[in-house]
Amino acid sequence: MKIDSVDFFYLAMPEVTIAADGSQDALVVRVSAGGHVGWGECEASPLASIAAFVTPMSHGACRPVSASVLGETLDGPDDIRRMAALVAYNSMDLLQAAHTWSGIEMALWDLLGHARGEPTWKLLGYERAYPKTPYASVLFGTTPQETLERARGIRADGFRAAKFGWAPFGDSLQGDIAHLDAAREGLGQEAFLLIDAGQIFNEDVDAAALRLDAMERNRVTFFEEPFHGSAYLAYGELSKRAKTVKTAGGEAAHNRHMAEHLIDFGGVGYIQIDCGRIGGLWPAKEVADYAVRKGVTYINHTFTSNLALSASLQPFAGLEDHSICEYPTSLKQVAVDLTRNHIVRDANGQIHVPDAPGLGIEINPAALTTYKVDVEIKVGGKTLFTTPAY
């Protein structure tokens, strides 16, 4: 099969706010080859990612992503890995390339799965897919009382794990302790409690460490992204100071080497990978394999549509002991409406990786028009991109 086309659809809510909520907009990718179609989703600024695909060449190591994809052969997994190497080499000075390629790579696996009639996790080398225990991924309340009520709601909804993140965490030590206590009280004593600091402490190990006692007392499982995603020394120092709480990170990795460094030098106990950022499913699978060898737990990162959720589950679908997974519960309507089918919890509160061909998720055509953001990119009077028709 030859790759005939790569199309991008920029979707957004009528109003996008500064809330740390990645489901407010989306960049959906459609790839066509050999009469088959695959879909993927980039987790990045939509307009910048589109531009990285069509931008004029700056020099030999700064070419558009399209130069390494359009017209290429797609007959098996090796072709996807070959294209990934092309993108990495030809666009090494185009820093947005990894995010743009991530959605394309995801779509290629989806397309290949449809062409072969197999789920993507089988193409990645797994013989079976194990159920995962989802944690409700939510933001902290604006007050401890709001966090308490949010946690009670999660517990009432039957979740056995929850992650609270971002502001106002980090505003004050006493405030953070109050939120931690509220989250534990609301969830009950048996549920897994996870905390995402949203990089609020930058590289300040002492400030982050001040929260450890309250986390230990509230039996927090992991402390996610206290620092900048590449602050490996800070992660390493905090990891040494923690007792029962493990550090976690990796969503900021845009190649597998960054994730491996976080394991080797940052000492994280949980490595969290976003397939829409790291370069797609294959580098995520490589990180999952590396985590197994290093005794680190692999977890997906995702906060957008169920297309991205399914993609994020594929790289560790076959790892029975790596069972906790992120499961967004407060998606904006654009992310909900994007797909016709959704991954839902079973009677035991677990979720299952789709067993259908490819990613097993069907795009909702109506969403591509309802939430469409029209884009036109022109350079020197020449049109390089216009929003495609569905």
Protein backbone atom coordinates (compact mmCIF):
# COMPACT_ATOMS: atom_id res chain seq x y z
CA MET A 1 0.00 0.00 0.00
CA LYS A 2 1.08 3.55 -0.72
CA ILE A 3 0.09 6.40 1.58
CA ASP A 4 -2.22 8.51 -0.55
CA SER A 5 -3.18 11.28 1.84
CA VAL A 6 -2.85 12.63 5.37
CA ASP A 7 -5.63 14.99 6.47
CA PHE A 8 -5.92 17.07 9.63
CA PHE A 9 -9.14 18.18 11.32
CA TYR A 10 -8.86 20.97 13.89
CA LEU A 11 -11.78 20.82 16.33
CA ALA A 12 -12.51 23.03 19.34
CA MET A 13 -15.11 24.05 21.87
CA PRO A 14 -16.75 27.45 21.24
CA GLU A 15 -14.68 28.83 24.11
CA VAL A 16 -11.25 27.57 25.13
CA THR A 17 -10.11 28.60 28.61
CA ILE A 18 -6.80 28.54 30.49
CA ALA A 19 -7.94 25.51 32.52
CA ALA A 20 -5.47 22.60 32.35
CA ASP A 21 -7.96 20.58 30.33
CA GLY A 22 -6.63 19.09 27.10
CA SER A 23 -10.08 18.04 25.96
CA GLN A 24 -11.10 21.56 24.95
CA ASP A 25 -9.79 21.10 21.42
CA ALA A 26 -8.43 18.30 19.26
CA LEU A 27 -6.33 17.63 16.19
CA VAL A 28 -7.61 14.50 14.47
CA VAL A 29 -5.62 12.82 11.71
CA ARG A 30 -6.99 10.73 8.84
CA VAL A 31 -4.58 8.61 6.78
CA SER A 32 -5.61 6.85 3.56
CA ALA A 33 -3.70 4.03 1.88
CA GLY A 34 -4.65 1.10 -0.33
CA GLY A 35 -8.36 1.78 0.02
CA HIS A 36 -8.16 1.72 3.83
CA VAL A 37 -8.47 4.57 6.33
CA GLY A 38 -6.96 5.02 9.79
CA TRP A 39 -7.52 7.66 12.45
CA GLY A 40 -5.23 9.17 15.06
CA GLU A 41 -5.07 12.15 17.38
CA CYS A 42 -2.20 14.53 18.16
CA GLU A 43 -1.86 15.81 21.72
CA ALA A 44 -0.45 19.22 20.94
CA SER A 45 -1.34 22.68 19.65
CA PRO A 46 -3.43 21.88 16.55
CA LEU A 47 -2.34 24.79 14.36
CA ALA A 48 1.36 24.36 15.12
CA SER A 49 1.10 20.64 14.40
CA ILE A 50 -0.61 21.20 11.04
CA ALA A 51 2.08 23.74 10.15
CA ALA A 52 4.82 21.19 10.90
CA PHE A 53 3.32 18.89 8.28
CA VAL A 54 3.15 21.46 5.49
CA THR A 55 5.87 24.00 6.31
CA PRO A 56 8.39 24.72 3.52
CA MET A 57 11.77 23.07 3.98
CA SER A 58 14.19 25.23 5.92
CA HIS A 59 17.21 22.98 5.21
CA GLY A 60 18.04 19.30 4.90
CA ALA A 61 17.50 18.54 8.59
CA CYS A 62 14.44 20.75 8.88
CA ARG A 63 11.96 19.34 6.37
CA PRO A 64 8.19 19.13 6.74
CA VAL A 65 6.83 15.91 8.21
CA SER A 66 4.94 15.33 4.96
CA ALA A 67 8.26 14.74 3.16
CA SER A 68 8.78 11.53 5.14
CA VAL A 69 5.22 10.21 4.92
CA LEU A 70 3.32 10.96 1.72
CA GLY A 71 3.86 8.31 -0.97
CA GLU A 72 5.64 5.95 1.42
CA THR A 73 4.87 2.23 1.50
CA LEU A 74 2.76 0.77 4.31
CA ASP A 75 2.66 -3.01 4.28
CA GLY A 76 3.56 -3.86 7.87
CA PRO A 77 4.87 -2.65 11.24
CA ASP A 78 8.42 -2.33 9.90
CA ASP A 79 7.22 0.36 7.49
CA ILE A 80 5.83 2.42 10.36
CA ARG A 81 9.14 2.18 12.19
CA ARG A 82 11.01 3.07 8.99
CA MET A 83 8.90 6.20 8.52
CA ALA A 84 9.46 7.14 12.17
CA ALA A 85 13.22 7.05 11.56
CA LEU A 86 12.78 9.19 8.43
CA VAL A 87 10.81 11.81 10.33
CA ALA A 88 13.33 11.85 13.18
CA TYR A 89 16.21 12.38 10.75
CA ASN A 90 14.67 14.64 8.12
CA SER A 91 12.87 16.85 10.64
CA MET A 92 15.34 16.76 13.54
CA ASP A 93 15.37 20.57 13.78
CA LEU A 94 11.60 20.88 13.56
CA LEU A 95 10.67 20.44 17.21
CA GLN A 96 6.94 20.12 16.58
CA ALA A 97 7.58 17.15 14.29
CA ALA A 98 7.31 14.55 17.08
CA HIS A 99 3.84 15.74 18.06
CA THR A 100 2.64 15.89 14.46
CA TRP A 101 4.05 12.45 13.70
CA SER A 102 2.45 11.00 16.84
CA GLY A 103 -1.08 11.38 15.47
CA ILE A 104 -0.05 10.14 12.03
CA GLU A 105 1.72 7.10 13.49
CA MET A 106 -1.35 6.30 15.57
CA ALA A 107 -3.49 6.45 12.43
CA LEU A 108 -1.07 4.17 10.55
CA TRP A 109 -1.46 1.45 13.18
CA ASP A 110 -5.23 1.88 13.03
CA LEU A 111 -5.17 1.62 9.24
CA LEU A 112 -2.90 -1.43 9.26
CA GLY A 113 -5.17 -3.11 11.79
CA HIS A 114 -8.19 -2.57 9.55
CA ALA A 115 -6.28 -3.86 6.53
CA ARG A 116 -5.31 -7.06 8.39
CA GLY A 117 -8.49 -7.45 10.43
CA GLU A 118 -6.55 -7.43 13.73
CA PRO A 119 -6.52 -5.20 16.79
CA THR A 120 -3.49 -2.96 17.08
CA TRP A 121 -2.24 -4.61 20.27
CA LYS A 122 -1.76 -7.84 18.35
CA LEU A 123 0.25 -6.01 15.70
CA LEU A 124 2.43 -4.69 18.53
CA GLY A 125 3.27 -8.26 19.51
CA TYR A 126 0.87 -9.16 22.33
CA GLU A 127 -1.01 -12.45 22.32
CA ARG A 128 -3.80 -11.20 24.55
CA ALA A 129 -5.04 -8.00 26.18
CA TYR A 130 -5.65 -7.79 29.92
CA PRO A 131 -8.33 -5.65 31.59
CA LYS A 132 -7.18 -2.46 33.27
CA THR A 133 -8.33 -0.75 36.46
CA PRO A 134 -9.16 2.84 35.52
CA TYR A 135 -8.48 5.77 37.77
CA ALA A 136 -10.80 8.73 37.47
CA SER A 137 -8.61 11.58 36.30
CA VAL A 138 -9.92 14.94 37.56
CA LEU A 139 -8.72 18.38 38.58
CA PHE A 140 -8.55 19.50 42.21
CA GLY A 141 -11.49 21.54 43.41
CA THR A 142 -10.98 25.25 43.98
CA THR A 143 -11.38 24.58 47.72
CA PRO A 144 -10.75 21.51 49.90
CA GLN A 145 -14.50 21.17 50.35
CA GLU A 146 -14.96 21.01 46.59
CA THR A 147 -12.19 18.40 46.38
CA LEU A 148 -13.97 16.42 49.11
CA GLU A 149 -17.27 16.48 47.22
CA ARG A 150 -15.55 15.56 43.97
CA ALA A 151 -13.87 12.60 45.65
CA ARG A 152 -17.16 11.46 47.18
CA GLY A 153 -18.74 11.58 43.74
CA ILE A 154 -15.95 9.44 42.29
CA ARG A 155 -16.37 6.91 45.07
CA ALA A 156 -20.14 6.85 44.59
CA ASP A 157 -19.58 6.24 40.89
CA GLY A 158 -17.76 3.03 41.70
CA PHE A 159 -14.16 3.98 40.94
CA ARG A 160 -11.46 2.22 42.93
CA ALA A 161 -8.80 4.80 42.09
CA ALA A 162 -8.66 8.54 41.41
CA LYS A 163 -6.08 11.13 40.48
CA PHE A 164 -6.39 14.77 41.49
CA GLY A 165 -4.24 17.33 39.77
CA TRP A 166 -3.17 20.87 39.00
CA ALA A 167 -4.19 24.18 40.55
CA PRO A 168 -4.66 25.11 43.30
CA PHE A 169 -2.11 22.45 44.30
CA GLY A 170 1.18 24.21 45.02
CA ASP A 171 -0.35 27.50 46.17
CA SER A 172 0.45 26.85 49.84
CA LEU A 173 1.63 23.97 52.00
CA GLN A 174 -1.36 24.11 54.34
CA GLY A 175 -3.76 24.34 51.42
CA ASP A 176 -2.16 21.32 49.75
CA ILE A 177 -2.36 19.30 52.96
CA ALA A 178 -6.04 20.20 53.27
CA HIS A 179 -6.71 19.06 49.69
CA LEU A 180 -4.84 15.80 50.26
CA ASP A 181 -6.81 15.08 53.42
CA ALA A 182 -10.07 15.95 51.66
CA ALA A 183 -9.32 13.69 48.71
CA ARG A 184 -8.51 10.73 50.96
CA GLU A 185 -11.60 11.30 53.12
CA GLY A 186 -13.86 11.50 50.10
CA LEU A 187 -12.43 8.42 48.39
CA GLY A 188 -12.44 6.26 51.51
CA GLN A 189 -9.59 4.23 52.89
CA GLU A 190 -9.39 1.49 50.26
CA ALA A 191 -9.18 3.43 47.00
CA PHE A 192 -5.92 4.33 45.27
CA LEU A 193 -5.15 8.05 45.61
CA LEU A 194 -2.84 9.62 43.00
CA ILE A 195 -1.61 13.21 42.84
CA ASP A 196 -0.56 15.25 39.78
CA ALA A 197 1.28 18.48 40.62
CA GLY A 198 1.38 19.73 37.02
CA GLN A 199 5.10 20.67 37.22
CA ILE A 200 4.24 23.43 39.72
CA PHE A 201 7.53 23.13 41.65
CA ASN A 202 9.74 23.48 38.54
CA GLU A 203 13.03 22.18 40.06
CA ASP A 204 12.45 23.02 43.74
CA VAL A 205 12.99 19.66 45.44
CA ASP A 206 12.64 21.08 48.96
CA ALA A 207 9.21 22.56 48.23
CA ALA A 208 7.95 19.32 46.74
CA ALA A 209 9.41 17.29 49.60
CA LEU A 210 7.41 19.31 52.14
CA ARG A 211 4.28 17.56 50.81
CA LEU A 212 5.65 14.06 51.28
CA ASP A 213 4.61 13.60 54.92
CA ALA A 214 0.98 14.40 54.15
CA MET A 215 1.13 12.14 51.12
CA GLU A 216 2.60 9.28 53.13
CA ARG A 217 -0.09 9.74 55.80
CA ASN A 218 -2.83 9.72 53.16
CA ARG A 219 -1.27 6.70 51.41
CA VAL A 220 -0.77 8.40 48.08
CA THR A 221 0.41 5.87 45.50
CA PHE A 222 2.34 8.26 43.28
CA PHE A 223 3.34 11.92 43.06
CA GLU A 224 3.15 12.85 39.39
CA GLU A 225 5.11 15.58 37.63
CA PRO A 226 6.24 17.69 40.58
CA PHE A 227 8.93 19.15 38.29
CA HIS A 228 9.61 20.09 34.71
CA GLY A 229 9.39 17.00 32.54
CA SER A 230 13.14 16.89 31.85
CA ALA A 231 14.38 17.86 35.33
CA TYR A 232 15.88 14.40 35.86
CA LEU A 233 18.16 15.38 38.75
CA ALA A 234 15.27 16.92 40.69
CA TYR A 235 13.18 13.78 40.15
CA GLY A 236 16.09 11.65 41.29
CA GLU A 237 16.58 13.63 44.49
CA LEU A 238 12.87 13.58 45.40
CA SER A 239 12.68 9.86 44.64
CA LYS A 240 15.44 9.27 47.19
CA ARG A 241 13.60 11.27 49.87
CA ALA A 242 10.25 9.54 49.43
CA LYS A 243 9.37 6.45 51.46
CA THR A 244 6.17 4.74 50.34
CA VAL A 245 5.15 7.34 47.74
CA LYS A 246 6.60 6.79 44.28
CA THR A 247 7.38 9.57 41.83
CA ALA A 248 5.75 9.48 38.41
CA GLY A 249 6.23 11.27 35.12
CA GLY A 250 6.87 10.88 31.42
CA GLU A 251 3.93 12.53 29.68
CA ALA A 252 6.29 15.31 28.55
CA ALA A 253 8.60 12.84 26.78
CA HIS A 254 8.55 13.32 23.03
CA ASN A 255 10.88 10.39 22.35
CA ARG A 256 11.64 7.13 24.14
CA HIS A 257 15.09 8.33 25.25
CA MET A 258 13.55 11.06 27.43
CA ALA A 259 11.31 8.47 29.09
CA GLU A 260 14.22 6.10 29.68
CA HIS A 261 16.27 8.93 31.23
CA LEU A 262 13.39 9.62 33.63
CA ILE A 263 13.55 5.99 34.70
CA ASP A 264 17.35 5.76 34.90
CA PHE A 265 18.21 9.18 36.33
CA GLY A 266 14.88 10.34 37.75
CA GLY A 267 14.16 7.16 39.67
CA VAL A 268 10.44 7.24 38.94
CA GLY A 269 8.36 4.29 40.05
CA TYR A 270 5.69 4.95 37.41
CA ILE A 271 6.37 5.98 33.83
CA GLN A 272 3.43 7.67 32.10
CA ILE A 273 3.48 7.91 28.32
CA ASP A 274 1.23 9.88 26.00
CA CYS A 275 1.10 8.28 22.55
CA GLY A 276 0.01 11.62 21.10
CA ARG A 277 3.34 13.18 22.11
CA ILE A 278 6.09 10.55 22.23
CA GLY A 279 5.89 9.66 18.55
CA GLY A 280 3.00 7.21 18.59
CA LEU A 281 2.45 3.64 19.69
CA TRP A 282 5.75 1.98 18.85
CA PRO A 283 8.05 4.19 20.99
CA ALA A 284 5.47 3.87 23.78
CA LYS A 285 5.69 0.08 23.44
CA GLU A 286 9.49 0.32 23.61
CA VAL A 287 9.19 2.31 26.85
CA ALA A 288 6.76 -0.27 28.25
CA ASP A 289 9.28 -3.03 27.48
CA TYR A 290 12.05 -0.98 29.09
CA ALA A 291 9.93 -0.34 32.19
CA VAL A 292 9.34 -4.07 32.61
CA ARG A 293 13.08 -4.72 32.51
CA LYS A 294 13.71 -1.96 35.06
CA GLY A 295 10.95 -2.92 37.50
CA VAL A 296 8.98 0.27 36.85
CA THR A 297 5.22 0.37 36.32
CA TYR A 298 3.98 1.62 32.94
CA ILE A 299 0.85 3.77 32.83
CA ASN A 300 -0.87 5.46 29.93
CA HIS A 301 -1.35 9.22 29.86
CA THR A 302 -4.40 10.63 28.13
CA PHE A 303 -6.86 13.42 28.76
CA THR A 304 -8.71 13.72 25.47
CA SER A 305 -11.06 11.56 23.38
CA ASN A 306 -11.68 7.82 23.48
CA LEU A 307 -9.67 7.53 20.25
CA ALA A 308 -6.64 8.72 22.20
CA LEU A 309 -7.65 6.56 25.17
CA SER A 310 -7.73 3.42 23.05
CA ALA A 311 -4.38 4.31 21.48
CA SER A 312 -2.85 4.89 24.92
CA LEU A 313 -3.89 1.43 26.10
CA GLN A 314 -2.40 -0.51 23.18
CA PRO A 315 1.33 -0.34 24.16
CA PHE A 316 0.75 -2.06 27.52
CA ALA A 317 -2.39 -4.05 26.73
CA GLY A 318 -0.53 -7.33 27.17
CA LEU A 319 1.13 -6.47 30.51
CA GLU A 320 -1.00 -8.17 33.16
CA ASP A 321 0.83 -6.71 36.16
CA HIS A 322 0.70 -3.13 34.86
CA SER A 323 -2.98 -2.73 35.50
CA ILE A 324 -3.76 0.87 36.52
CA CYS A 325 -4.73 3.20 33.70
CA GLU A 326 -5.76 6.82 33.29
CA TYR A 327 -9.41 7.28 32.43
CA PRO A 328 -10.64 10.87 31.95
CA THR A 329 -14.06 11.44 33.45
CA SER A 330 -14.65 15.16 32.86
CA LEU A 331 -14.18 15.49 29.12
CA LYS A 332 -15.45 18.52 27.23
CA GLN A 333 -18.25 17.76 24.78
CA VAL A 334 -16.00 17.92 21.71
CA ALA A 335 -13.96 14.99 23.08
CA VAL A 336 -17.09 13.02 23.94
CA ASP A 337 -18.77 13.63 20.60
CA LEU A 338 -15.67 12.87 18.53
CA THR A 339 -16.27 9.11 18.63
CA ARG A 340 -19.38 7.02 18.08
CA ASN A 341 -18.32 4.34 20.56
CA HIS A 342 -16.69 4.67 23.97
CA ILE A 343 -14.65 2.52 26.32
CA VAL A 344 -16.80 1.94 29.39
CA ARG A 345 -16.29 0.10 32.67
CA ASP A 346 -17.60 -3.41 33.10
CA ALA A 347 -19.47 -4.84 36.11
CA ASN A 348 -16.14 -5.20 37.95
CA GLY A 349 -15.19 -1.58 37.35
CA GLN A 350 -12.51 -2.47 34.80
CA ILE A 351 -12.08 -1.44 31.19
CA HIS A 352 -11.01 -3.53 28.22
CA VAL A 353 -8.83 -2.64 25.27
CA PRO A 354 -11.00 -2.90 22.13
CA ASP A 355 -10.78 -6.25 20.37
CA ALA A 356 -11.96 -4.86 17.01
CA PRO A 357 -9.55 -4.20 14.11
CA GLY A 358 -7.16 -1.30 14.55
CA LEU A 359 -7.87 0.92 17.54
CA GLY A 360 -11.49 -0.26 17.60
CA ILE A 361 -12.90 3.27 17.79
CA GLU A 362 -15.23 4.80 15.21
CA ILE A 363 -15.07 8.51 14.39
CA ASN A 364 -18.33 10.46 14.52
CA PRO A 365 -18.56 12.44 11.24
CA ALA A 366 -20.95 14.97 12.77
CA ALA A 367 -18.28 16.12 15.23
CA LEU A 368 -15.90 16.93 12.36
CA THR A 369 -18.32 19.60 11.17
CA THR A 370 -19.96 20.71 14.44
CA TYR A 371 -16.66 21.61 16.11
CA LYS A 372 -14.63 22.40 12.98
CA VAL A 373 -12.12 25.23 13.03
CA ASP A 374 -11.43 26.34 9.46
CA VAL A 375 -7.73 26.70 8.70
CA GLU A 376 -5.91 28.06 5.68
CA ILE A 377 -2.11 28.31 5.54
CA LYS A 378 -0.57 30.38 2.75
CA VAL A 379 3.09 31.13 2.08
CA GLY A 380 4.20 33.42 -0.70
CA GLY A 381 0.74 33.39 -2.20
CA LYS A 382 0.67 29.60 -2.38
CA THR A 383 -1.91 27.68 -0.33
CA LEU A 384 -0.21 24.93 1.65
CA PHE A 385 -3.23 23.76 3.65
CA THR A 386 -6.98 24.17 3.82
CA THR A 387 -9.35 22.31 6.10
CA PRO A 388 -10.36 19.13 4.26
CA ALA A 389 -13.90 17.99 3.65
CA TYR A 390 -15.00 14.85 5.42
